[in-house]
Amino acid sequence: MATNTMDEAVNVRSLLGSPNFGMEQIQRLEEVLGEHTSEIRQELRTLEDELSEGDKSKVKALKAGVAAFLLGDHASARDILSRLSGEALPQYYLGHVLVSLGRFREAAEAYQRAEEAGHNQAMCKLLRAGALRASGDLESAEKLLAKAPDQASLAEYCFQKGCLASDRGDTFGAVEFFERAVDMDPTHSEALFWLAGENCLRGNDDEAIRLYEQSLSRPPLHLGALMNLGLLYEDHDNFAAAAFCFRKVLDIDPLHERARLYLRDIDAAHDMYYDEDSLKNQARLKQILEIPVTDFELSVRARNCLQKMGVENLGDLTRLSEQDLLSGKNFGETSLQEIKEMMESKGLRLGQSITKDRPRDYAFQNENLSPQQQALLARPVADLNLSVRARKCMSRLNITTVGELAGRTADELLESKNFGVTSLNEVRAKLTEIGLRLRNE
């Protein structure tokens, strides 16, 4: 076993020590990165030390820059590769690095320089189109793709077409292009990432997890995919796998605040004490609340009134007050007493769930709100661009508008599964940006 480990380390060293470092060696590094990250990181440190000591070797700089990119250290990769101006392969990977850093215009220029220096022209054009699209210049991106009809058989072409369709609001067309890209190249991480996101939005968690896992099967590791996969694992109570994802993010970016906080939430959850008797009582109460009112011997008048009010089970009655029932046509004190006795026989009372379960429409709590304020509160909560975890909480609580969110308290949000202090602070910050805050704050 020890001999195998030594041989593997030597193979990594030989890849980064090759005098003819090119695409073949880079592809091999991508294949072994998952199993030999520590060896590659060690070789990268050696290369960086040699460069810092005055070594002017362009090959060593290229190796260090590519290795830093594959390991997710994009800032270092940019600093190293930007020194190798005018050369095809360094400019090509500099484009990758700049995209990862969100510097899309600069990335497009790097891809153009790589193409002019002789790197794969078709791929450089496609990636330049992608960088221009990401910068917001959809028109230029479309023109570039229109000039390359012969590239329609490439997975990257389909991926870029899918991105344009998505940006144009054509979700169906985008998914079709992304699926075609994955059919052509099952390792196309970006297409897999987008497909995973679409499935996640539609609640297809199992498929989203599979696609995120597939997108992370080859480097470079995308932090967004790792974070989203970790959140999905956590949602399915696979805390060990979720913690692994968040730790992997911190390996790449030790200052990643959200990953650190989510990891802390998981550690805290493992220390929580669960009262088994309390959980049993909650389950028993849930069963009682779901008992249909038709199971009880009620007068014809009481049954008809409840039917007209849309009351189907005892849970519905816990969300109504005595005044709500008395406001019903032909519903008097006799019927009210009949209902109260029925509720008491099950240990319940009218109105006991009003404060907890009744949805609040913040927009209608103040009749003096201006039309602008009412429009603000009526905005869909999706406009806040919340994280995956926070969005899932909104879905569980049936919160669809900004006003409904502002009508909730912090404690009510924290009761939702996997919604911790990190997500709460995120929601508070988003509401503050538009001049709102949670109820009672």
Protein backbone atom coordinates (compact mmCIF):
# COMPACT_ATOMS: atom_id res chain seq x y z
CA MET A 1 0.00 0.00 0.00
CA ALA A 2 2.82 2.39 0.87
CA THR A 3 4.46 1.74 -2.49
CA ASN A 4 1.25 2.62 -4.35
CA THR A 5 0.96 5.93 -2.48
CA MET A 6 4.55 6.77 -3.32
CA ASP A 7 4.02 5.90 -6.99
CA GLU A 8 0.91 8.13 -7.14
CA ALA A 9 2.81 11.05 -5.60
CA VAL A 10 5.61 10.58 -8.13
CA ASN A 11 3.05 10.61 -10.98
CA VAL A 12 1.66 13.95 -9.80
CA ARG A 13 5.20 15.30 -9.50
CA SER A 14 6.05 14.07 -12.97
CA LEU A 15 2.99 15.80 -14.44
CA LEU A 16 3.94 19.15 -12.93
CA GLY A 17 7.60 18.50 -13.70
CA SER A 18 7.11 17.77 -17.39
CA PRO A 19 9.20 20.11 -19.61
CA ASN A 20 6.43 20.00 -22.24
CA PHE A 21 3.49 21.10 -20.09
CA GLY A 22 0.33 21.36 -22.19
CA MET A 23 -3.29 20.26 -22.52
CA GLU A 24 -2.43 16.55 -22.18
CA GLN A 25 -0.78 17.10 -18.80
CA ILE A 26 -3.54 19.48 -17.67
CA GLN A 27 -6.26 16.95 -18.52
CA ARG A 28 -4.36 14.29 -16.58
CA LEU A 29 -4.12 16.63 -13.59
CA GLU A 30 -7.89 17.13 -13.74
CA GLU A 31 -8.37 13.36 -13.64
CA VAL A 32 -6.19 12.81 -10.57
CA LEU A 33 -7.01 16.00 -8.67
CA GLY A 34 -9.80 14.51 -6.57
CA GLU A 35 -7.58 11.78 -5.13
CA HIS A 36 -4.31 13.71 -5.00
CA THR A 37 -5.27 17.23 -4.02
CA SER A 38 -2.71 17.40 -1.20
CA GLU A 39 0.16 16.28 -3.48
CA ILE A 40 -0.78 18.84 -6.14
CA ARG A 41 -1.08 21.55 -3.49
CA GLN A 42 2.39 20.65 -2.20
CA GLU A 43 3.86 20.83 -5.71
CA LEU A 44 2.12 24.18 -6.23
CA ARG A 45 3.76 25.59 -3.10
CA THR A 46 7.15 24.43 -4.39
CA LEU A 47 6.55 26.12 -7.75
CA GLU A 48 5.37 29.34 -6.09
CA ASP A 49 8.46 29.39 -3.86
CA GLU A 50 10.72 29.00 -6.89
CA LEU A 51 8.93 31.79 -8.75
CA SER A 52 9.08 34.10 -5.75
CA GLU A 53 12.83 33.48 -5.51
CA GLY A 54 13.33 34.90 -8.99
CA ASP A 55 12.84 31.90 -11.25
CA LYS A 56 11.70 33.36 -14.60
CA SER A 57 10.61 30.07 -16.16
CA LYS A 58 7.40 30.60 -18.14
CA VAL A 59 6.66 26.87 -18.04
CA LYS A 60 6.82 26.86 -14.25
CA ALA A 61 4.58 29.92 -14.12
CA LEU A 62 2.06 28.20 -16.40
CA LYS A 63 2.12 25.07 -14.22
CA ALA A 64 1.62 27.11 -11.06
CA GLY A 65 -1.18 29.18 -12.58
CA VAL A 66 -3.10 26.17 -13.90
CA ALA A 67 -2.61 24.23 -10.65
CA ALA A 68 -3.86 27.19 -8.60
CA PHE A 69 -6.92 27.44 -10.87
CA LEU A 70 -7.72 23.72 -10.56
CA LEU A 71 -7.37 23.97 -6.77
CA GLY A 72 -9.77 26.92 -6.68
CA ASP A 73 -7.20 29.56 -5.72
CA HIS A 74 -8.36 31.97 -8.41
CA ALA A 75 -6.69 35.09 -7.07
CA SER A 76 -3.24 33.47 -7.14
CA ALA A 77 -3.94 31.93 -10.53
CA ARG A 78 -4.84 35.37 -11.95
CA ASP A 79 -1.67 36.98 -10.57
CA ILE A 80 0.54 34.24 -12.03
CA LEU A 81 -1.11 33.80 -15.44
CA SER A 82 -1.49 37.53 -16.12
CA ARG A 83 2.32 37.78 -16.24
CA LEU A 84 2.41 35.45 -19.27
CA SER A 85 1.03 37.92 -21.80
CA GLY A 86 0.62 37.00 -25.43
CA GLU A 87 0.88 33.20 -25.04
CA ALA A 88 -2.07 31.03 -26.04
CA LEU A 89 -2.48 28.50 -23.22
CA PRO A 90 -1.86 30.95 -20.33
CA GLN A 91 -4.38 33.40 -21.82
CA TYR A 92 -6.91 30.61 -22.29
CA TYR A 93 -6.72 29.62 -18.62
CA LEU A 94 -6.56 33.25 -17.55
CA GLY A 95 -9.96 33.56 -19.23
CA HIS A 96 -11.24 30.67 -17.09
CA VAL A 97 -9.87 32.32 -13.95
CA LEU A 98 -11.39 35.72 -14.74
CA VAL A 99 -14.80 34.12 -15.35
CA SER A 100 -14.54 32.46 -11.93
CA LEU A 101 -13.77 35.86 -10.42
CA GLY A 102 -16.73 37.48 -12.18
CA ARG A 103 -14.54 39.71 -14.36
CA PHE A 104 -16.32 38.79 -17.56
CA ARG A 105 -15.20 41.60 -19.89
CA GLU A 106 -11.57 40.91 -19.06
CA ALA A 107 -12.21 37.20 -19.57
CA ALA A 108 -13.60 37.85 -23.06
CA GLU A 109 -10.44 39.79 -23.92
CA ALA A 110 -8.24 36.96 -22.60
CA TYR A 111 -10.08 34.39 -24.73
CA GLN A 112 -9.67 36.62 -27.77
CA ARG A 113 -5.92 36.90 -27.11
CA ALA A 114 -5.72 33.11 -26.75
CA GLU A 115 -7.50 32.67 -30.09
CA GLU A 116 -5.22 35.16 -31.81
CA ALA A 117 -2.19 33.34 -30.37
CA GLY A 118 -3.34 30.08 -31.96
CA HIS A 119 -5.32 28.24 -29.29
CA ASN A 120 -8.43 26.22 -30.28
CA GLN A 121 -10.35 28.87 -32.22
CA ALA A 122 -13.79 27.27 -31.93
CA MET A 123 -13.58 26.88 -28.15
CA CYS A 124 -12.14 30.37 -27.66
CA LYS A 125 -15.02 31.90 -29.65
CA LEU A 126 -17.62 29.99 -27.66
CA LEU A 127 -16.09 30.87 -24.31
CA ARG A 128 -15.73 34.50 -25.36
CA ALA A 129 -19.42 34.53 -26.27
CA GLY A 130 -20.18 33.12 -22.83
CA ALA A 131 -18.11 35.78 -21.09
CA LEU A 132 -19.81 38.56 -23.08
CA ARG A 133 -23.23 37.13 -22.23
CA ALA A 134 -22.32 36.97 -18.55
CA SER A 135 -21.26 40.62 -18.71
CA GLY A 136 -24.74 41.52 -19.96
CA ASP A 137 -23.85 41.95 -23.64
CA LEU A 138 -26.32 39.41 -25.03
CA GLU A 139 -26.32 40.96 -28.49
CA SER A 140 -22.56 40.51 -29.01
CA ALA A 141 -22.74 36.98 -27.64
CA GLU A 142 -25.51 36.05 -30.06
CA LYS A 143 -23.56 37.50 -33.00
CA LEU A 144 -20.52 35.42 -32.09
CA LEU A 145 -22.58 32.23 -31.88
CA ALA A 146 -24.36 33.04 -35.15
CA LYS A 147 -20.97 33.09 -36.90
CA ALA A 148 -20.28 29.54 -35.79
CA PRO A 149 -22.99 27.25 -37.22
CA ASP A 150 -20.37 24.54 -37.76
CA GLN A 151 -19.89 24.36 -33.97
CA ALA A 152 -23.44 23.15 -33.29
CA SER A 153 -22.10 19.65 -32.68
CA LEU A 154 -20.04 20.86 -29.70
CA ALA A 155 -21.35 20.58 -26.14
CA GLU A 156 -20.04 24.06 -25.33
CA TYR A 157 -22.05 25.54 -28.21
CA CYS A 158 -25.26 23.96 -26.87
CA PHE A 159 -24.41 25.16 -23.37
CA GLN A 160 -23.92 28.77 -24.52
CA LYS A 161 -27.17 28.64 -26.52
CA GLY A 162 -28.90 27.39 -23.40
CA CYS A 163 -27.51 30.26 -21.34
CA LEU A 164 -28.76 32.78 -23.89
CA ALA A 165 -32.20 31.16 -23.91
CA SER A 166 -32.28 31.31 -20.11
CA ASP A 167 -31.30 34.98 -20.09
CA ARG A 168 -34.07 35.65 -22.62
CA GLY A 169 -36.59 34.00 -20.32
CA ASP A 170 -37.00 30.83 -22.41
CA THR A 171 -36.59 28.26 -19.63
CA PHE A 172 -37.92 25.35 -21.70
CA GLY A 173 -35.50 26.10 -24.54
CA ALA A 174 -32.62 26.52 -22.08
CA VAL A 175 -33.23 23.13 -20.47
CA GLU A 176 -33.38 21.50 -23.91
CA PHE A 177 -29.98 22.95 -24.85
CA PHE A 178 -28.42 22.03 -21.48
CA GLU A 179 -29.65 18.45 -21.79
CA ARG A 180 -28.23 18.28 -25.31
CA ALA A 181 -24.87 19.55 -24.00
CA VAL A 182 -24.81 16.86 -21.29
CA ASP A 183 -25.73 14.19 -23.86
CA MET A 184 -22.69 15.26 -25.89
CA ASP A 185 -20.40 15.60 -22.86
CA PRO A 186 -21.57 13.97 -19.60
CA THR A 187 -18.76 15.81 -17.76
CA HIS A 188 -19.80 19.33 -18.85
CA SER A 189 -19.90 20.76 -15.33
CA GLU A 190 -21.57 24.07 -16.20
CA ALA A 191 -24.48 22.47 -18.08
CA LEU A 192 -24.91 19.97 -15.24
CA PHE A 193 -24.88 22.85 -12.74
CA TRP A 194 -27.63 24.73 -14.58
CA LEU A 195 -29.76 21.60 -14.96
CA ALA A 196 -29.34 20.86 -11.27
CA GLY A 197 -30.49 24.38 -10.44
CA GLU A 198 -33.58 24.07 -12.63
CA ASN A 199 -34.51 20.77 -10.95
CA CYS A 200 -33.94 22.29 -7.53
CA LEU A 201 -36.30 25.18 -8.31
CA ARG A 202 -38.98 22.67 -9.31
CA GLY A 203 -38.59 20.60 -6.15
CA ASN A 204 -36.91 17.65 -7.91
CA ASP A 205 -34.32 17.32 -5.15
CA ASP A 206 -33.16 13.78 -5.94
CA GLU A 207 -32.41 14.66 -9.56
CA ALA A 208 -30.78 17.94 -8.50
CA ILE A 209 -28.49 16.07 -6.10
CA ARG A 210 -27.52 13.59 -8.82
CA LEU A 211 -26.70 16.37 -11.27
CA TYR A 212 -24.72 18.42 -8.72
CA GLU A 213 -22.72 15.31 -7.82
CA GLN A 214 -22.06 14.67 -11.49
CA SER A 215 -20.99 18.28 -12.06
CA LEU A 216 -18.44 17.96 -9.25
CA SER A 217 -16.95 14.71 -10.54
CA ARG A 218 -14.21 16.62 -12.34
CA PRO A 219 -12.34 19.81 -11.48
CA PRO A 220 -12.36 22.68 -11.17
CA LEU A 221 -14.75 22.48 -8.24
CA HIS A 222 -17.40 25.20 -8.42
CA LEU A 223 -18.19 26.71 -5.04
CA GLY A 224 -21.81 27.35 -6.02
CA ALA A 225 -22.33 23.66 -6.83
CA LEU A 226 -20.71 22.60 -3.55
CA MET A 227 -22.82 25.02 -1.51
CA ASN A 228 -26.10 24.05 -3.20
CA LEU A 229 -25.33 20.35 -2.92
CA GLY A 230 -24.51 20.78 0.76
CA LEU A 231 -27.85 22.51 1.36
CA LEU A 232 -29.73 19.75 -0.44
CA TYR A 233 -27.94 17.09 1.59
CA GLU A 234 -28.84 18.96 4.76
CA ASP A 235 -32.47 19.25 3.68
CA HIS A 236 -32.53 15.45 3.41
CA ASP A 237 -30.88 15.08 6.85
CA ASN A 238 -27.63 13.80 5.35
CA PHE A 239 -25.61 16.02 7.66
CA ALA A 240 -22.29 14.21 7.19
CA ALA A 241 -22.38 14.74 3.41
CA ALA A 242 -23.50 18.36 3.89
CA ALA A 243 -20.62 19.02 6.28
CA PHE A 244 -18.20 17.46 3.77
CA CYS A 245 -19.38 19.91 1.07
CA PHE A 246 -19.05 22.95 3.32
CA ARG A 247 -15.59 21.85 4.50
CA LYS A 248 -14.56 21.39 0.86
CA VAL A 249 -15.63 24.98 0.19
CA LEU A 250 -13.53 26.15 3.14
CA ASP A 251 -10.55 24.15 1.82
CA ILE A 252 -10.79 26.23 -1.36
CA ASP A 253 -11.77 29.52 0.27
CA PRO A 254 -11.00 29.60 4.03
CA LEU A 255 -12.76 32.98 4.30
CA HIS A 256 -16.07 31.79 2.84
CA GLU A 257 -18.43 33.20 5.47
CA ARG A 258 -21.60 31.36 4.45
CA ALA A 259 -19.91 27.93 4.35
CA ARG A 260 -18.38 28.53 7.78
CA LEU A 261 -21.73 29.54 9.28
CA TYR A 262 -23.62 26.64 7.68
CA LEU A 263 -21.01 24.23 9.00
CA ARG A 264 -21.43 25.74 12.44
CA ASP A 265 -25.21 25.28 12.16
CA ILE A 266 -24.72 21.58 11.40
CA ASP A 267 -22.36 21.13 14.35
CA ALA A 268 -24.87 22.88 16.60
CA ALA A 269 -27.72 20.71 15.30
CA HIS A 270 -25.84 17.57 16.34
CA ASP A 271 -25.72 18.89 19.90
CA MET A 272 -29.46 19.57 20.09
CA TYR A 273 -31.56 17.56 22.54
CA TYR A 274 -34.76 16.06 21.21
CA ASP A 275 -37.56 15.29 23.67
CA GLU A 276 -39.06 12.04 22.40
CA ASP A 277 -42.27 12.46 24.44
CA SER A 278 -42.72 15.95 23.04
CA LEU A 279 -42.35 14.67 19.48
CA LYS A 280 -44.94 11.95 20.14
CA ASN A 281 -47.36 14.52 21.56
CA GLN A 282 -46.90 16.70 18.48
CA ALA A 283 -47.65 13.74 16.20
CA ARG A 284 -50.74 12.89 18.24
CA LEU A 285 -51.99 16.50 18.07
CA LYS A 286 -51.46 16.52 14.30
CA GLN A 287 -53.66 13.45 13.97
CA ILE A 288 -56.39 15.03 16.08
CA LEU A 289 -56.34 18.25 14.06
CA GLU A 290 -56.88 16.23 10.87
CA ILE A 291 -60.11 14.58 12.15
CA PRO A 292 -62.98 15.55 9.78
CA VAL A 293 -65.90 17.40 11.39
CA THR A 294 -68.21 14.93 9.64
CA ASP A 295 -67.01 12.30 12.15
CA PHE A 296 -69.05 14.07 14.87
CA GLU A 297 -72.79 14.06 15.54
CA LEU A 298 -73.66 17.69 14.82
CA SER A 299 -76.99 19.34 14.19
CA VAL A 300 -78.02 19.95 10.59
CA ARG A 301 -77.71 23.73 11.09
CA ALA A 302 -74.16 23.45 12.51
CA ARG A 303 -73.04 21.07 9.73
CA ASN A 304 -74.46 23.31 6.99
CA CYS A 305 -72.81 26.41 8.44
CA LEU A 306 -69.43 24.72 8.71
CA GLN A 307 -69.72 23.42 5.17
CA LYS A 308 -70.51 26.92 3.83
CA MET A 309 -67.45 28.29 5.68
CA GLY A 310 -65.17 25.65 4.17
CA VAL A 311 -64.42 23.99 7.52
CA GLU A 312 -63.33 20.41 6.89
CA ASN A 313 -61.49 19.30 10.05
CA LEU A 314 -60.75 20.26 13.65
CA GLY A 315 -57.60 22.04 12.57
CA ASP A 316 -59.68 24.45 10.51
CA LEU A 317 -61.74 25.25 13.63
CA THR A 318 -58.63 26.03 15.68
CA ARG A 319 -57.96 28.82 13.18
CA LEU A 320 -61.40 30.40 13.66
CA SER A 321 -62.60 32.56 16.53
CA GLU A 322 -66.06 32.53 18.10
CA GLN A 323 -66.80 35.78 16.29
CA ASP A 324 -65.80 34.20 12.96
CA LEU A 325 -68.37 31.45 13.49
CA LEU A 326 -71.13 33.79 14.74
CA SER A 327 -70.69 35.90 11.62
CA GLY A 328 -71.88 32.93 9.56
CA LYS A 329 -75.47 33.03 8.32
CA ASN A 330 -77.92 31.24 10.66
CA PHE A 331 -75.09 30.34 13.06
CA GLY A 332 -76.20 31.22 16.59
CA GLU A 333 -75.17 30.68 20.19
CA THR A 334 -76.67 27.18 20.26
CA SER A 335 -74.54 26.01 17.34
CA LEU A 336 -71.52 27.77 18.82
CA GLN A 337 -71.93 25.91 22.13
CA GLU A 338 -72.29 22.65 20.21
CA ILE A 339 -68.98 23.27 18.40
CA LYS A 340 -67.19 24.29 21.59
CA GLU A 341 -68.23 21.09 23.35
CA MET A 342 -67.04 19.05 20.39
CA MET A 343 -63.64 20.79 20.49
CA GLU A 344 -63.31 20.36 24.26
CA SER A 345 -63.92 16.62 23.93
CA LYS A 346 -60.61 16.47 21.99
CA GLY A 347 -58.72 18.87 24.23
CA LEU A 348 -58.95 21.73 21.74
CA ARG A 349 -60.49 25.20 21.70
CA LEU A 350 -61.60 27.66 19.05
CA GLY A 351 -58.96 30.12 17.90
CA GLN A 352 -56.00 28.39 19.54
CA SER A 353 -53.98 28.37 16.30
CA ILE A 354 -54.86 31.83 15.05
CA THR A 355 -51.64 33.55 16.12
CA LYS A 356 -49.47 30.65 15.06
CA ASP A 357 -50.92 29.47 11.77
CA ARG A 358 -53.10 32.19 10.30
CA PRO A 359 -51.27 33.74 7.35
CA ARG A 360 -50.62 37.43 7.69
CA ASP A 361 -50.88 39.76 4.75
CA TYR A 362 -48.72 42.63 5.88
CA ALA A 363 -49.97 44.78 3.03
CA PHE A 364 -53.46 44.94 4.52
CA GLN A 365 -52.59 45.61 8.14
CA ASN A 366 -52.61 49.33 7.57
CA GLU A 367 -55.34 50.80 5.40
CA ASN A 368 -53.42 54.08 5.16
CA LEU A 369 -50.59 52.58 3.10
CA SER A 370 -49.79 54.46 -0.08
CA PRO A 371 -50.13 52.70 -3.45
CA GLN A 372 -46.32 52.56 -3.64
CA GLN A 373 -46.09 50.87 -0.23
CA GLN A 374 -48.79 48.39 -1.12
CA ALA A 375 -46.99 47.60 -4.40
CA LEU A 376 -43.77 47.02 -2.47
CA LEU A 377 -45.44 44.59 -0.06
CA ALA A 378 -47.17 42.79 -2.93
CA ARG A 379 -43.87 42.04 -4.69
CA PRO A 380 -43.06 38.33 -4.98
CA VAL A 381 -40.56 37.15 -2.40
CA ALA A 382 -38.50 35.74 -5.28
CA ASP A 383 -37.48 39.33 -6.06
CA LEU A 384 -35.28 39.27 -2.94
CA ASN A 385 -32.90 36.74 -4.58
CA LEU A 386 -32.58 34.67 -1.41
CA SER A 387 -30.26 31.70 -1.04
CA VAL A 388 -31.47 28.15 -1.67
CA ARG A 389 -31.94 27.49 2.04
CA ALA A 390 -33.96 30.68 2.63
CA ARG A 391 -36.09 30.06 -0.49
CA LYS A 392 -36.99 26.59 0.77
CA CYS A 393 -38.08 28.10 4.07
CA MET A 394 -40.35 30.55 2.23
CA SER A 395 -41.87 27.61 0.34
CA ARG A 396 -42.46 25.57 3.51
CA LEU A 397 -44.20 28.51 5.19
CA ASN A 398 -46.23 29.34 2.04
CA ILE A 399 -44.72 32.83 1.96
CA THR A 400 -45.11 34.19 -1.55
CA THR A 401 -44.94 37.98 -1.14
CA VAL A 402 -42.62 40.42 0.57
CA GLY A 403 -45.52 41.57 2.74
CA GLU A 404 -46.19 38.04 4.00
CA LEU A 405 -42.51 37.71 4.89
CA ALA A 406 -42.49 41.05 6.72
CA GLY A 407 -45.54 39.86 8.64
CA ARG A 408 -43.55 37.01 10.21
CA THR A 409 -41.46 37.14 13.36
CA ALA A 410 -37.89 35.90 13.63
CA ASP A 411 -39.02 33.06 15.91
CA GLU A 412 -41.57 31.87 13.36
CA LEU A 413 -38.93 31.69 10.65
CA LEU A 414 -36.46 29.90 12.91
CA GLU A 415 -39.06 27.18 13.53
CA SER A 416 -38.74 26.12 9.89
CA LYS A 417 -36.53 23.10 9.20
CA ASN A 418 -32.85 23.93 8.52
CA PHE A 419 -33.51 27.68 8.82
CA GLY A 420 -30.81 29.03 11.13
CA VAL A 421 -29.39 32.34 12.23
CA THR A 422 -27.42 32.67 8.99
CA SER A 423 -30.57 32.56 6.87
CA LEU A 424 -32.40 34.82 9.32
CA ASN A 425 -29.71 37.48 9.03
CA GLU A 426 -29.84 37.13 5.25
CA VAL A 427 -33.60 37.77 5.26
CA ARG A 428 -33.19 40.73 7.60
CA ALA A 429 -30.53 42.24 5.33
CA LYS A 430 -32.68 41.79 2.20
CA LEU A 431 -35.69 43.43 3.87
CA THR A 432 -33.55 46.29 5.18
CA GLU A 433 -32.38 46.99 1.62
CA ILE A 434 -35.97 47.81 0.63
CA GLY A 435 -36.85 49.62 3.86
CA LEU A 436 -38.72 46.82 5.65
CA ARG A 437 -38.14 44.57 8.63
CA LEU A 438 -39.66 41.52 10.25
CA ARG A 439 -42.69 41.86 12.52
CA ASN A 440 -41.91 43.03 16.08
CA GLU A 441 -38.42 44.22 15.13
